């Protein structure tokens, strides 16, 4: 739900060097890396739930027999399940590819290059 966001301004703030994470003026890279890693984990978690649901749908379609015929023999049931399974397989490969790229990238590269792939994983 869209809402107003607060604005925060800090002026004349002293941060001891022992409290600085990473390189000065590169804080966004650290934050983006953290956010992208968590978004990728969430996408993988959601994928696992989707795969479970697809498998359960297949099981149900095999045991449910209205009018004495398995639902799984009906193309109207097969096609949507196959489409979902295909999308899940493609998402799994995209998540794995993005994770591999993220593992080999610096924080700056993650911030600069991987945002679109992480977003695609979350769609």
C-alpha atoms as a PDB file:
ATOM      1  CA  UNK A   1       0.000   0.000   0.000  1.00  0.00           C
ATOM      2  CA  UNK A   2       1.542   3.342  -0.982  1.00  0.00           C
ATOM      3  CA  UNK A   3       2.353   5.581   1.956  1.00  0.00           C
ATOM      4  CA  UNK A   4       4.329   8.699   2.666  1.00  0.00           C
ATOM      5  CA  UNK A   5       7.938   8.111   3.560  1.00  0.00           C
ATOM      6  CA  UNK A   6       9.750  10.018   6.239  1.00  0.00           C
ATOM      7  CA  UNK A   7      12.744  12.137   5.349  1.00  0.00           C
ATOM      8  CA  UNK A   8      15.776  12.115   7.598  1.00  0.00           C
ATOM      9  CA  UNK A   9      18.634  14.603   7.367  1.00  0.00           C
ATOM     10  CA  UNK A  10      21.855  14.330   9.335  1.00  0.00           C
ATOM     11  CA  UNK A  11      24.290  17.251   9.556  1.00  0.00           C
ATOM     12  CA  UNK A  12      27.637  17.558  11.268  1.00  0.00           C
ATOM     13  CA  UNK A  13      27.688  13.914  12.333  1.00  0.00           C
ATOM     14  CA  UNK A  14      30.941  12.384  13.515  1.00  0.00           C
ATOM     15  CA  UNK A  15      31.448   8.666  12.961  1.00  0.00           C
ATOM     16  CA  UNK A  16      34.561   7.115  14.524  1.00  0.00           C
ATOM     17  CA  UNK A  17      36.678   5.231  12.007  1.00  0.00           C
ATOM     18  CA  UNK A  18      36.165   2.019  13.998  1.00  0.00           C
ATOM     19  CA  UNK A  19      32.406   2.230  13.217  1.00  0.00           C
ATOM     20  CA  UNK A  20      32.754   2.563   9.432  1.00  0.00           C
ATOM     21  CA  UNK A  21      31.740  -0.463   7.386  1.00  0.00           C
ATOM     22  CA  UNK A  22      33.635  -0.844   4.146  1.00  0.00           C
ATOM     23  CA  UNK A  23      34.897   2.183   2.268  1.00  0.00           C
ATOM     24  CA  UNK A  24      33.771   5.718   3.048  1.00  0.00           C
ATOM     25  CA  UNK A  25      31.053   6.860   0.611  1.00  0.00           C
ATOM     26  CA  UNK A  26      30.348   3.259  -0.487  1.00  0.00           C
ATOM     27  CA  UNK A  27      27.659   2.497   2.092  1.00  0.00           C
ATOM     28  CA  UNK A  28      24.971   2.027  -0.559  1.00  0.00           C
ATOM     29  CA  UNK A  29      26.936  -0.893  -2.044  1.00  0.00           C
ATOM     30  CA  UNK A  30      26.940  -2.640   1.327  1.00  0.00           C
ATOM     31  CA  UNK A  31      23.230  -2.000   1.819  1.00  0.00           C
ATOM     32  CA  UNK A  32      22.335  -3.115  -1.730  1.00  0.00           C
ATOM     33  CA  UNK A  33      24.363  -6.305  -1.332  1.00  0.00           C
ATOM     34  CA  UNK A  34      22.475  -7.128   1.862  1.00  0.00           C
ATOM     35  CA  UNK A  35      19.097  -6.329   0.276  1.00  0.00           C
ATOM     36  CA  UNK A  36      19.834  -8.274  -2.935  1.00  0.00           C
ATOM     37  CA  UNK A  37      21.045 -11.331  -1.006  1.00  0.00           C
ATOM     38  CA  UNK A  38      17.879 -11.336   1.100  1.00  0.00           C
ATOM     39  CA  UNK A  39      15.625 -10.837  -1.915  1.00  0.00           C
ATOM     40  CA  UNK A  40      17.311 -13.774  -3.644  1.00  0.00           C
ATOM     41  CA  UNK A  41      16.812 -15.964  -0.548  1.00  0.00           C
ATOM     42  CA  UNK A  42      13.143 -14.952  -0.465  1.00  0.00           C
ATOM     43  CA  UNK A  43      12.754 -15.859  -4.138  1.00  0.00           C
ATOM     44  CA  UNK A  44      14.300 -19.287  -3.478  1.00  0.00           C
ATOM     45  CA  UNK A  45      11.989 -19.820  -0.513  1.00  0.00           C
ATOM     46  CA  UNK A  46       8.931 -18.879  -2.573  1.00  0.00           C
ATOM     47  CA  UNK A  47      10.105 -21.180  -5.350  1.00  0.00           C
ATOM     48  CA  UNK A  48      10.278 -24.067  -2.886  1.00  0.00           C
ATOM     49  CA  UNK A  49       6.696 -23.395  -1.807  1.00  0.00           C
ATOM     50  CA  UNK A  50       5.568 -23.238  -5.438  1.00  0.00           C
ATOM     51  CA  UNK A  51       7.314 -26.517  -6.279  1.00  0.00           C
ATOM     52  CA  UNK A  52       5.616 -28.178  -3.307  1.00  0.00           C
ATOM     53  CA  UNK A  53       2.220 -26.915  -4.488  1.00  0.00           C
ATOM     54  CA  UNK A  54       2.855 -28.141  -8.033  1.00  0.00           C
ATOM     55  CA  UNK A  55       3.829 -31.607  -6.744  1.00  0.00           C
ATOM     56  CA  UNK A  56       0.743 -31.754  -4.518  1.00  0.00           C
ATOM     57  CA  UNK A  57      -1.453 -30.722  -7.456  1.00  0.00           C
ATOM     58  CA  UNK A  58      -0.019 -33.544  -9.541  1.00  0.00           C
ATOM     59  CA  UNK A  59      -0.630 -36.056  -6.742  1.00  0.00           C
ATOM     60  CA  UNK A  60      -4.197 -34.847  -6.325  1.00  0.00           C
ATOM     61  CA  UNK A  61      -4.871 -34.947 -10.072  1.00  0.00           C
ATOM     62  CA  UNK A  62      -3.742 -38.588 -10.096  1.00  0.00           C
ATOM     63  CA  UNK A  63      -5.931 -39.740  -7.205  1.00  0.00           C
ATOM     64  CA  UNK A  64      -9.067 -37.676  -7.911  1.00  0.00           C
ATOM     65  CA  UNK A  65     -11.352 -39.603 -10.270  1.00  0.00           C
ATOM     66  CA  UNK A  66     -14.564 -37.789 -11.108  1.00  0.00           C
ATOM     67  CA  UNK A  67     -16.762 -39.962 -13.311  1.00  0.00           C
ATOM     68  CA  UNK A  68     -14.222 -42.808 -12.909  1.00  0.00           C
ATOM     69  CA  UNK A  69     -11.404 -41.075 -14.830  1.00  0.00           C
ATOM     70  CA  UNK A  70      -8.271 -39.507 -13.290  1.00  0.00           C
ATOM     71  CA  UNK A  71      -8.131 -35.710 -13.487  1.00  0.00           C
ATOM     72  CA  UNK A  72      -4.524 -36.064 -14.622  1.00  0.00           C
ATOM     73  CA  UNK A  73      -5.683 -37.579 -17.932  1.00  0.00           C
ATOM     74  CA  UNK A  74      -7.511 -34.336 -18.787  1.00  0.00           C
ATOM     75  CA  UNK A  75      -5.541 -31.876 -20.952  1.00  0.00           C
ATOM     76  CA  UNK A  76      -7.351 -29.012 -19.236  1.00  0.00           C
ATOM     77  CA  UNK A  77      -5.553 -30.097 -16.047  1.00  0.00           C
ATOM     78  CA  UNK A  78      -2.261 -31.155 -17.645  1.00  0.00           C
ATOM     79  CA  UNK A  79      -1.531 -27.936 -19.541  1.00  0.00           C
ATOM     80  CA  UNK A  80      -1.698 -25.489 -16.589  1.00  0.00           C
ATOM     81  CA  UNK A  81       0.363 -27.826 -14.402  1.00  0.00           C
ATOM     82  CA  UNK A  82       3.003 -28.232 -17.104  1.00  0.00           C
ATOM     83  CA  UNK A  83       3.099 -24.464 -17.601  1.00  0.00           C
ATOM     84  CA  UNK A  84       3.593 -23.877 -13.864  1.00  0.00           C
ATOM     85  CA  UNK A  85       6.265 -26.588 -13.660  1.00  0.00           C
ATOM     86  CA  UNK A  86       8.089 -25.018 -16.615  1.00  0.00           C
ATOM     87  CA  UNK A  87       8.000 -21.576 -15.003  1.00  0.00           C
ATOM     88  CA  UNK A  88       9.292 -23.047 -11.727  1.00  0.00           C
ATOM     89  CA  UNK A  89      12.153 -24.768 -13.545  1.00  0.00           C
ATOM     90  CA  UNK A  90      13.103 -21.540 -15.344  1.00  0.00           C
ATOM     91  CA  UNK A  91      12.972 -19.606 -12.074  1.00  0.00           C
ATOM     92  CA  UNK A  92      15.184 -22.179 -10.359  1.00  0.00           C
ATOM     93  CA  UNK A  93      17.812 -21.785 -13.063  1.00  0.00           C
ATOM     94  CA  UNK A  94      17.582 -17.969 -12.898  1.00  0.00           C
ATOM     95  CA  UNK A  95      17.988 -18.029  -9.108  1.00  0.00           C
ATOM     96  CA  UNK A  96      21.002 -20.353  -9.354  1.00  0.00           C
ATOM     97  CA  UNK A  97      22.608 -18.274 -12.114  1.00  0.00           C
ATOM     98  CA  UNK A  98      22.061 -15.051 -10.175  1.00  0.00           C
ATOM     99  CA  UNK A  99      23.444 -16.582  -6.969  1.00  0.00           C
ATOM    100  CA  UNK A 100      26.576 -17.775  -8.774  1.00  0.00           C
ATOM    101  CA  UNK A 101      27.102 -14.315 -10.264  1.00  0.00           C
ATOM    102  CA  UNK A 102      26.537 -12.738  -6.847  1.00  0.00           C
ATOM    103  CA  UNK A 103      29.049 -15.076  -5.181  1.00  0.00           C
ATOM    104  CA  UNK A 104      31.767 -13.985  -7.604  1.00  0.00           C
ATOM    105  CA  UNK A 105      30.987 -10.257  -7.561  1.00  0.00           C
ATOM    106  CA  UNK A 106      32.184  -7.381  -5.436  1.00  0.00           C
ATOM    107  CA  UNK A 107      29.701  -5.239  -3.508  1.00  0.00           C
ATOM    108  CA  UNK A 108      29.999  -2.539  -6.152  1.00  0.00           C
ATOM    109  CA  UNK A 109      29.300  -5.045  -8.958  1.00  0.00           C
ATOM    110  CA  UNK A 110      26.294  -6.437  -7.073  1.00  0.00           C
ATOM    111  CA  UNK A 111      24.879  -2.930  -6.624  1.00  0.00           C
ATOM    112  CA  UNK A 112      25.593  -1.921 -10.214  1.00  0.00           C
ATOM    113  CA  UNK A 113      24.871  -5.096 -12.203  1.00  0.00           C
ATOM    114  CA  UNK A 114      22.611  -7.563 -10.406  1.00  0.00           C
ATOM    115  CA  UNK A 115      19.545  -5.516  -9.479  1.00  0.00           C
ATOM    116  CA  UNK A 116      17.573  -6.496 -12.604  1.00  0.00           C
ATOM    117  CA  UNK A 117      18.283 -10.225 -12.178  1.00  0.00           C
ATOM    118  CA  UNK A 118      17.338 -10.149  -8.499  1.00  0.00           C
ATOM    119  CA  UNK A 119      14.127  -8.322  -9.393  1.00  0.00           C
ATOM    120  CA  UNK A 120      13.300 -10.910 -12.063  1.00  0.00           C
ATOM    121  CA  UNK A 121      13.734 -13.662  -9.487  1.00  0.00           C
ATOM    122  CA  UNK A 122      11.183 -11.932  -7.265  1.00  0.00           C
ATOM    123  CA  UNK A 123       8.568 -11.485  -9.978  1.00  0.00           C
END
